[in-house]
Amino acid sequence: MNRSMQGRIELRQVTKCFGAVTAVDGISLDIRGGEFFSLLGPSGCGKTTTLRLIAGFERPTTGEILLEGVSVTGIPPHRRNVNTVFQSYALFPHLTVEENIGFGLKMKRLPKSEINLQVEDVLSLVKLTGLGERKPSELSGGQQQRVALARALVNHPAILLLDEPLAALDLKLRKQMQIELKVLQRQVGITFVYVTHDQGEALSLSDRIAVMQDGRVLQIGTPSDLYEHPNCHFVADFIGQSNFFPATVAGHREGGLTLRLTGAESLIEVPAECGYHPGQEVILAVRPERLQISTNPPPPPFNGLYGMVSEVMYLGTLLQYTVSVSDSLQVLVHQPNLGSDSTPPIPRASKVYITWLPEHGILLESMTS
């Protein structure tokens, strides 16, 4: 096999309909071999159906699926070099950890000595050495998830599909398992396709992410690409937090535009390519952590807003301010918590000035355009 094809997945204009419902709507993906690739989106967006199409549990209504350069559109799951880890661990309760992991190898009729050797190796890989004789009921949730991973990896698949495998774990354990999962993927070097609705999880784990909505892929990119350069309102809103300012193009300037924000008196400068015209309605997105807040008027030129602090929330690592600019315009500002002695919170009802660098504004098409 051509090395460039190892672990590669291609979906070409794939559609999946269930009766009158279109769950996946003409999507195309090219997932590289050895990549940690996530399908991210809200419930019902088609990400799990896409995973099931790759696994072979569903057959596309139209389109083609290729694994490692070979069309598998009509090939059943057991004949694809793919394994799947589900949200429910689906472990056999009456079997030990070793027996659960080695079950697939036993079905392949491998010699017992070979099965024992491979099971021992994968137990070490998932940090479960010494627990092989236990039953699943004697393990924690995180340990059971490691068993499910080990059972999938012991078969040496070219591709591992993971359908929200950490969703059942508590927050602290989920964070720990995210780190372990990324390290594990680098160690084994195979393609991981990961389904999640948790944008923080996708950002921390993935080499690239496909953001989905209503059965379609809206944008594919690295975590930083999607966060810094979202291509639409949905992606900017789903990946992290943003302030969205409805605005009208007031005019052009060298290297960008001047905007008049709805509900505000200030004119805002943003870098922008050609193609916008005066009077055009747009959306300006600015991340809360990119904003600076102060009770002191900033020196000119003033690129920002002023208003009144209506709420202050202590969130541990940061302070979140809600600033009322007008009756129709509320702004979220995130400031790092450097300790109350060095940066005491700005009190409610204080008049404040919010500023940001022009390059931190993300210009998007208006929702009504």
Protein backbone atom coordinates (compact mmCIF):
# COMPACT_ATOMS: atom_id res chain seq x y z
CA MET A 1 0.00 0.00 0.00
CA ASN A 2 1.09 3.55 -0.75
CA ARG A 3 2.28 4.97 2.60
CA SER A 4 0.26 8.15 2.01
CA MET A 5 -2.92 6.03 2.01
CA GLN A 6 -2.37 4.34 5.39
CA GLY A 7 -5.26 5.23 7.67
CA ARG A 8 -6.69 7.75 5.19
CA ILE A 9 -10.46 8.28 5.02
CA GLU A 10 -12.29 9.94 2.15
CA LEU A 11 -15.98 10.80 1.98
CA ARG A 12 -17.12 12.03 -1.41
CA GLN A 13 -20.47 13.85 -1.50
CA VAL A 14 -21.99 11.44 1.02
CA THR A 15 -25.67 11.73 1.85
CA LYS A 16 -27.65 9.61 4.29
CA CYS A 17 -31.44 9.78 4.46
CA PHE A 18 -33.76 8.07 6.92
CA GLY A 19 -37.08 8.29 5.14
CA ALA A 20 -37.84 11.98 4.66
CA VAL A 21 -35.08 13.05 7.09
CA THR A 22 -31.65 13.89 5.68
CA ALA A 23 -29.15 13.17 8.47
CA VAL A 24 -26.01 13.74 6.38
CA ASP A 25 -26.28 16.14 3.47
CA GLY A 26 -23.65 15.77 0.76
CA ILE A 27 -20.52 16.03 2.91
CA SER A 28 -16.96 15.54 1.66
CA LEU A 29 -14.03 14.85 4.00
CA ASP A 30 -10.39 13.94 3.47
CA ILE A 31 -8.95 12.68 6.78
CA ARG A 32 -5.21 12.11 6.71
CA GLY A 33 -3.56 8.96 7.96
CA GLY A 34 -2.39 9.23 11.57
CA GLU A 35 -4.52 12.31 12.20
CA PHE A 36 -6.65 13.03 15.26
CA PHE A 37 -9.76 14.32 13.51
CA SER A 38 -12.90 15.44 15.35
CA LEU A 39 -16.49 15.79 14.18
CA LEU A 40 -17.96 18.59 16.29
CA GLY A 41 -21.49 19.91 16.49
CA PRO A 42 -24.73 19.98 18.47
CA SER A 43 -27.02 17.00 18.93
CA GLY A 44 -28.71 15.99 15.70
CA CYS A 45 -26.12 17.59 13.41
CA GLY A 46 -25.16 14.27 11.75
CA LYS A 47 -21.77 13.62 13.34
CA THR A 48 -22.61 10.18 14.80
CA THR A 49 -24.31 9.14 11.56
CA THR A 50 -21.13 10.14 9.71
CA LEU A 51 -19.10 7.98 12.08
CA ARG A 52 -21.46 5.03 11.54
CA LEU A 53 -21.13 5.46 7.79
CA ILE A 54 -17.34 5.22 8.07
CA ALA A 55 -17.66 2.16 10.33
CA GLY A 56 -20.09 0.47 7.93
CA PHE A 57 -23.04 0.33 10.36
CA GLU A 58 -24.95 2.55 7.92
CA ARG A 59 -24.83 2.61 4.15
CA PRO A 60 -24.87 5.97 2.34
CA THR A 61 -27.93 6.90 0.31
CA THR A 62 -25.60 8.53 -2.22
CA GLY A 63 -21.88 9.17 -2.42
CA GLU A 64 -18.76 7.11 -1.85
CA ILE A 65 -16.55 6.21 1.13
CA LEU A 66 -12.92 5.20 0.68
CA LEU A 67 -10.66 3.74 3.37
CA GLU A 68 -6.96 3.69 2.56
CA GLY A 69 -7.75 4.44 -1.08
CA VAL A 70 -10.25 1.58 -1.53
CA SER A 71 -14.01 2.08 -1.89
CA VAL A 72 -15.83 0.40 1.01
CA THR A 73 -19.28 1.81 0.34
CA GLY A 74 -20.90 -1.64 0.21
CA ILE A 75 -18.48 -3.54 2.46
CA PRO A 76 -19.80 -4.69 5.91
CA PRO A 77 -18.17 -3.50 9.17
CA HIS A 78 -16.27 -6.71 9.95
CA ARG A 79 -14.40 -6.46 6.64
CA ARG A 80 -13.18 -2.92 7.25
CA ASN A 81 -9.88 -2.28 9.05
CA VAL A 82 -11.74 -0.10 11.53
CA ASN A 83 -12.72 -0.44 15.20
CA THR A 84 -15.22 1.64 17.15
CA VAL A 85 -15.32 2.78 20.78
CA PHE A 86 -18.78 3.82 21.95
CA GLN A 87 -20.00 6.07 24.75
CA SER A 88 -21.31 2.99 26.55
CA TYR A 89 -18.32 0.75 27.23
CA ALA A 90 -20.22 -2.41 26.20
CA LEU A 91 -17.92 -4.67 28.22
CA PHE A 92 -18.90 -8.26 28.95
CA PRO A 93 -19.67 -8.19 32.71
CA HIS A 94 -18.97 -11.92 33.21
CA LEU A 95 -15.49 -11.74 31.62
CA THR A 96 -12.29 -10.45 33.17
CA VAL A 97 -10.43 -7.43 31.79
CA GLU A 98 -8.01 -9.74 29.96
CA GLU A 99 -10.87 -11.79 28.51
CA ASN A 100 -12.72 -8.68 27.37
CA ILE A 101 -9.64 -7.31 25.63
CA GLY A 102 -8.70 -10.62 24.04
CA PHE A 103 -12.22 -11.51 22.89
CA GLY A 104 -11.71 -10.33 19.32
CA LEU A 105 -8.38 -12.13 19.04
CA LYS A 106 -10.02 -15.31 20.33
CA MET A 107 -12.68 -15.01 17.61
CA LYS A 108 -9.82 -14.85 15.10
CA ARG A 109 -8.60 -18.17 16.53
CA LEU A 110 -5.14 -16.90 17.42
CA PRO A 111 -3.03 -19.14 19.69
CA LYS A 112 -3.59 -18.52 23.39
CA SER A 113 0.07 -17.62 23.91
CA GLU A 114 -0.18 -14.94 21.20
CA ILE A 115 -3.40 -13.58 22.67
CA ASN A 116 -1.84 -13.35 26.13
CA LEU A 117 1.20 -11.52 24.76
CA GLN A 118 -0.86 -8.97 22.82
CA VAL A 119 -3.25 -8.41 25.73
CA GLU A 120 -0.32 -7.83 28.08
CA ASP A 121 1.19 -5.29 25.68
CA VAL A 122 -2.04 -3.32 25.30
CA LEU A 123 -2.71 -3.38 29.06
CA SER A 124 0.63 -1.67 29.51
CA LEU A 125 -0.23 0.83 26.77
CA VAL A 126 -3.46 1.92 28.51
CA LYS A 127 -1.90 1.84 32.00
CA LEU A 128 -3.89 -1.13 33.33
CA THR A 129 -1.04 -3.52 34.08
CA GLY A 130 -1.95 -5.75 37.01
CA LEU A 131 -5.71 -5.36 36.60
CA GLY A 132 -6.24 -8.09 34.02
CA GLU A 133 -7.98 -10.50 36.42
CA ARG A 134 -10.60 -8.00 37.56
CA LYS A 135 -14.20 -7.88 36.34
CA PRO A 136 -15.55 -4.62 34.83
CA SER A 137 -17.71 -4.02 37.93
CA GLU A 138 -14.50 -3.77 39.98
CA LEU A 139 -13.15 -0.88 37.88
CA SER A 140 -13.76 2.86 37.91
CA GLY A 141 -15.40 4.58 34.94
CA GLY A 142 -12.04 5.76 33.63
CA GLN A 143 -10.56 2.26 33.91
CA GLN A 144 -13.55 0.76 32.09
CA GLN A 145 -13.05 3.27 29.28
CA ARG A 146 -9.39 2.23 29.05
CA VAL A 147 -10.50 -1.41 28.73
CA ALA A 148 -12.82 -0.44 25.87
CA LEU A 149 -9.92 1.38 24.17
CA ALA A 150 -7.60 -1.56 24.73
CA ARG A 151 -10.13 -3.99 23.24
CA ALA A 152 -10.30 -1.84 20.10
CA LEU A 153 -6.54 -1.26 19.82
CA VAL A 154 -5.50 -4.89 20.33
CA ASN A 155 -6.91 -5.71 16.89
CA HIS A 156 -4.43 -3.24 15.30
CA PRO A 157 -6.98 -1.27 13.27
CA ALA A 158 -5.79 1.32 10.76
CA ILE A 159 -8.57 3.61 11.99
CA LEU A 160 -10.18 4.03 15.41
CA LEU A 161 -13.61 5.64 15.61
CA LEU A 162 -14.68 7.12 18.95
CA ASP A 163 -18.29 8.15 19.57
CA GLU A 164 -18.30 10.54 22.55
CA PRO A 165 -16.30 8.02 24.62
CA LEU A 166 -15.73 10.35 27.60
CA ALA A 167 -19.26 11.74 27.93
CA ALA A 168 -20.18 9.48 30.86
CA LEU A 169 -17.19 10.55 32.99
CA ASP A 170 -17.17 13.35 35.54
CA LEU A 171 -15.44 16.61 34.59
CA LYS A 172 -12.12 16.03 36.36
CA LEU A 173 -11.75 12.47 35.09
CA ARG A 174 -12.78 13.56 31.60
CA LYS A 175 -10.00 16.17 31.55
CA GLN A 176 -7.49 13.55 32.69
CA MET A 177 -8.65 11.08 30.06
CA GLN A 178 -8.39 13.73 27.34
CA ILE A 179 -4.68 14.06 28.06
CA GLU A 180 -4.20 10.30 28.16
CA LEU A 181 -6.15 9.81 24.95
CA LYS A 182 -4.02 12.32 23.04
CA VAL A 183 -0.80 10.73 24.33
CA LEU A 184 -2.14 7.28 23.41
CA GLN A 185 -2.99 8.39 19.87
CA ARG A 186 0.53 9.70 19.37
CA GLN A 187 1.99 6.45 20.69
CA VAL A 188 -0.01 4.15 18.42
CA GLY A 189 0.13 6.52 15.43
CA ILE A 190 -3.18 5.46 13.88
CA THR A 191 -6.04 7.60 12.63
CA PHE A 192 -8.53 8.66 15.31
CA VAL A 193 -11.94 10.01 14.29
CA TYR A 194 -13.62 11.49 17.34
CA VAL A 195 -17.25 12.56 17.73
CA THR A 196 -18.07 15.17 20.37
CA HIS A 197 -20.41 18.07 21.09
CA ASP A 198 -17.90 19.52 23.57
CA GLN A 199 -15.93 22.28 21.81
CA GLY A 200 -13.31 22.41 24.58
CA GLU A 201 -12.68 18.70 24.16
CA ALA A 202 -12.35 19.03 20.37
CA LEU A 203 -9.97 22.00 20.67
CA SER A 204 -7.68 20.24 23.15
CA LEU A 205 -7.50 16.86 21.37
CA SER A 206 -7.68 17.45 17.63
CA ASP A 207 -5.23 18.03 14.83
CA ARG A 208 -8.20 19.19 12.75
CA ILE A 209 -11.92 19.62 13.36
CA ALA A 210 -14.98 19.54 11.12
CA VAL A 211 -17.79 21.69 12.52
CA MET A 212 -21.21 20.32 11.52
CA GLN A 213 -24.73 21.71 11.52
CA ASP A 214 -27.90 20.21 10.03
CA GLY A 215 -26.01 17.37 8.34
CA ARG A 216 -23.49 19.66 6.64
CA VAL A 217 -19.86 20.53 7.25
CA LEU A 218 -19.56 24.28 7.75
CA GLN A 219 -15.79 24.56 8.23
CA ILE A 220 -12.74 22.30 8.56
CA GLY A 221 -9.51 23.48 10.13
CA THR A 222 -7.04 23.28 12.96
CA PRO A 223 -8.29 24.36 16.39
CA SER A 224 -6.52 27.71 16.03
CA ASP A 225 -7.92 28.22 12.50
CA LEU A 226 -11.48 27.72 13.69
CA TYR A 227 -11.07 29.86 16.79
CA GLU A 228 -9.18 32.74 15.19
CA HIS A 229 -10.81 32.69 11.74
CA PRO A 230 -14.38 31.30 11.87
CA ASN A 231 -16.09 31.54 8.50
CA CYS A 232 -19.64 32.09 9.76
CA HIS A 233 -21.71 33.13 12.76
CA PHE A 234 -22.45 29.53 13.82
CA VAL A 235 -18.78 28.50 13.98
CA ALA A 236 -17.79 31.68 15.83
CA ASP A 237 -20.58 31.06 18.34
CA PHE A 238 -20.05 27.30 18.74
CA ILE A 239 -16.25 27.44 19.10
CA GLY A 240 -15.64 29.44 22.26
CA GLN A 241 -17.53 32.58 23.23
CA SER A 242 -17.95 35.73 21.16
CA ASN A 243 -19.60 39.11 21.30
CA PHE A 244 -21.62 39.69 18.14
CA PHE A 245 -22.15 43.29 17.12
CA PRO A 246 -24.61 44.02 14.31
CA ALA A 247 -23.04 46.80 12.26
CA THR A 248 -23.22 48.79 9.06
CA VAL A 249 -20.24 49.58 6.84
CA ALA A 250 -19.69 53.34 7.23
CA GLY A 251 -16.80 53.61 4.79
CA HIS A 252 -13.42 52.41 3.62
CA ARG A 253 -10.01 53.27 5.01
CA GLU A 254 -6.53 52.15 4.10
CA GLY A 255 -6.34 48.40 4.73
CA GLY A 256 -9.85 48.01 6.07
CA LEU A 257 -13.29 49.35 6.92
CA THR A 258 -14.98 51.68 9.35
CA LEU A 259 -18.12 50.24 10.96
CA ARG A 260 -21.01 51.83 12.80
CA LEU A 261 -22.23 49.42 15.46
CA THR A 262 -25.98 49.17 16.02
CA GLY A 263 -26.84 50.58 19.45
CA ALA A 264 -23.49 52.35 19.91
CA GLU A 265 -22.14 55.81 19.13
CA SER A 266 -18.56 54.79 18.31
CA LEU A 267 -17.11 54.14 14.86
CA ILE A 268 -15.02 50.94 14.81
CA GLU A 269 -12.08 50.15 12.55
CA VAL A 270 -11.49 46.61 11.27
CA PRO A 271 -9.03 45.14 8.76
CA ALA A 272 -10.95 43.74 5.80
CA GLU A 273 -10.51 42.74 2.22
CA CYS A 274 -12.34 44.47 -0.60
CA GLY A 275 -15.88 43.44 -1.39
CA TYR A 276 -17.85 45.38 1.22
CA HIS A 277 -19.75 48.53 0.31
CA PRO A 278 -21.01 51.47 2.41
CA GLY A 279 -24.39 50.73 3.96
CA GLN A 280 -23.88 46.94 3.89
CA GLU A 281 -25.03 45.12 7.04
CA VAL A 282 -22.39 42.89 8.68
CA ILE A 283 -21.64 41.21 12.00
CA LEU A 284 -18.50 42.04 13.97
CA ALA A 285 -17.40 39.26 16.37
CA VAL A 286 -14.90 39.90 19.15
CA ARG A 287 -13.80 37.30 21.70
CA PRO A 288 -14.38 38.39 25.35
CA GLU A 289 -10.73 37.76 26.31
CA ARG A 290 -9.53 40.11 23.55
CA LEU A 291 -11.27 43.07 25.17
CA GLN A 292 -9.64 45.45 27.62
CA ILE A 293 -11.76 47.16 30.25
CA SER A 294 -10.87 50.29 32.22
CA THR A 295 -12.50 53.06 34.20
CA ASN A 296 -10.01 55.51 32.68
CA PRO A 297 -10.63 57.03 29.24
CA PRO A 298 -8.14 55.55 26.77
CA PRO A 299 -5.88 57.79 24.69
CA PRO A 300 -6.98 58.42 21.09
CA PRO A 301 -7.55 56.87 18.67
CA PHE A 302 -10.40 55.22 20.57
CA ASN A 303 -11.38 51.91 18.94
CA GLY A 304 -14.05 50.59 21.27
CA LEU A 305 -17.16 51.24 23.33
CA TYR A 306 -18.14 52.74 26.64
CA GLY A 307 -20.91 51.69 28.97
CA MET A 308 -21.90 50.68 32.49
CA VAL A 309 -20.90 47.49 34.36
CA SER A 310 -24.14 45.64 35.04
CA GLU A 311 -22.71 42.38 36.38
CA VAL A 312 -19.41 40.97 37.67
CA MET A 313 -18.91 37.21 37.94
CA TYR A 314 -15.97 35.49 39.63
CA LEU A 315 -15.08 32.39 37.57
CA GLY A 316 -11.85 31.36 39.29
CA THR A 317 -9.28 31.83 36.55
CA LEU A 318 -11.00 34.94 35.22
CA LEU A 319 -13.42 37.76 35.97
CA GLN A 320 -16.40 38.11 33.65
CA TYR A 321 -17.91 41.55 33.24
CA THR A 322 -21.24 42.27 31.57
CA VAL A 323 -21.24 45.81 30.28
CA SER A 324 -24.41 47.60 29.14
CA VAL A 325 -23.56 49.85 26.21
CA SER A 326 -27.21 50.53 25.43
CA ASP A 327 -30.61 48.94 25.97
CA SER A 328 -29.95 46.71 22.94
CA LEU A 329 -26.22 46.07 23.35
CA GLN A 330 -24.59 44.01 26.12
CA VAL A 331 -20.88 43.11 26.02
CA LEU A 332 -19.03 40.26 27.79
CA VAL A 333 -15.45 40.97 28.86
CA HIS A 334 -13.07 38.34 30.27
CA GLN A 335 -10.07 39.48 32.28
CA PRO A 336 -7.51 37.10 33.83
CA ASN A 337 -7.71 36.77 37.58
CA LEU A 338 -4.32 37.98 38.81
CA GLY A 339 -5.42 38.16 42.44
CA SER A 340 -7.67 40.66 44.15
CA ASP A 341 -4.73 42.61 45.60
CA SER A 342 -3.18 43.37 42.18
CA THR A 343 -6.39 43.72 40.14
CA PRO A 344 -9.44 44.40 42.31
CA PRO A 345 -12.71 43.88 40.41
CA ILE A 346 -14.35 46.92 38.90
CA PRO A 347 -17.56 47.50 40.88
CA ARG A 348 -21.03 47.23 39.40
CA ALA A 349 -22.51 50.48 38.07
CA SER A 350 -19.05 51.81 37.15
CA LYS A 351 -18.66 53.65 33.86
CA VAL A 352 -16.04 51.77 31.81
CA TYR A 353 -14.30 51.90 28.46
CA ILE A 354 -13.89 48.74 26.37
CA THR A 355 -11.15 48.65 23.76
CA TRP A 356 -9.57 46.09 21.45
CA LEU A 357 -7.06 45.95 18.66
CA PRO A 358 -8.62 46.30 15.19
CA GLU A 359 -7.11 42.96 14.10
CA HIS A 360 -9.01 41.18 16.89
CA GLY A 361 -12.34 41.92 15.22
CA ILE A 362 -13.77 39.11 13.07
CA LEU A 363 -15.96 40.34 10.24
CA LEU A 364 -18.86 38.04 9.31
CA GLU A 365 -21.75 38.26 6.92
CA SER A 366 -25.01 39.48 8.43
CA MET A 367 -27.43 36.73 9.44
CA THR A 368 -30.05 38.36 7.20
CA SER A 369 -27.81 38.74 4.13
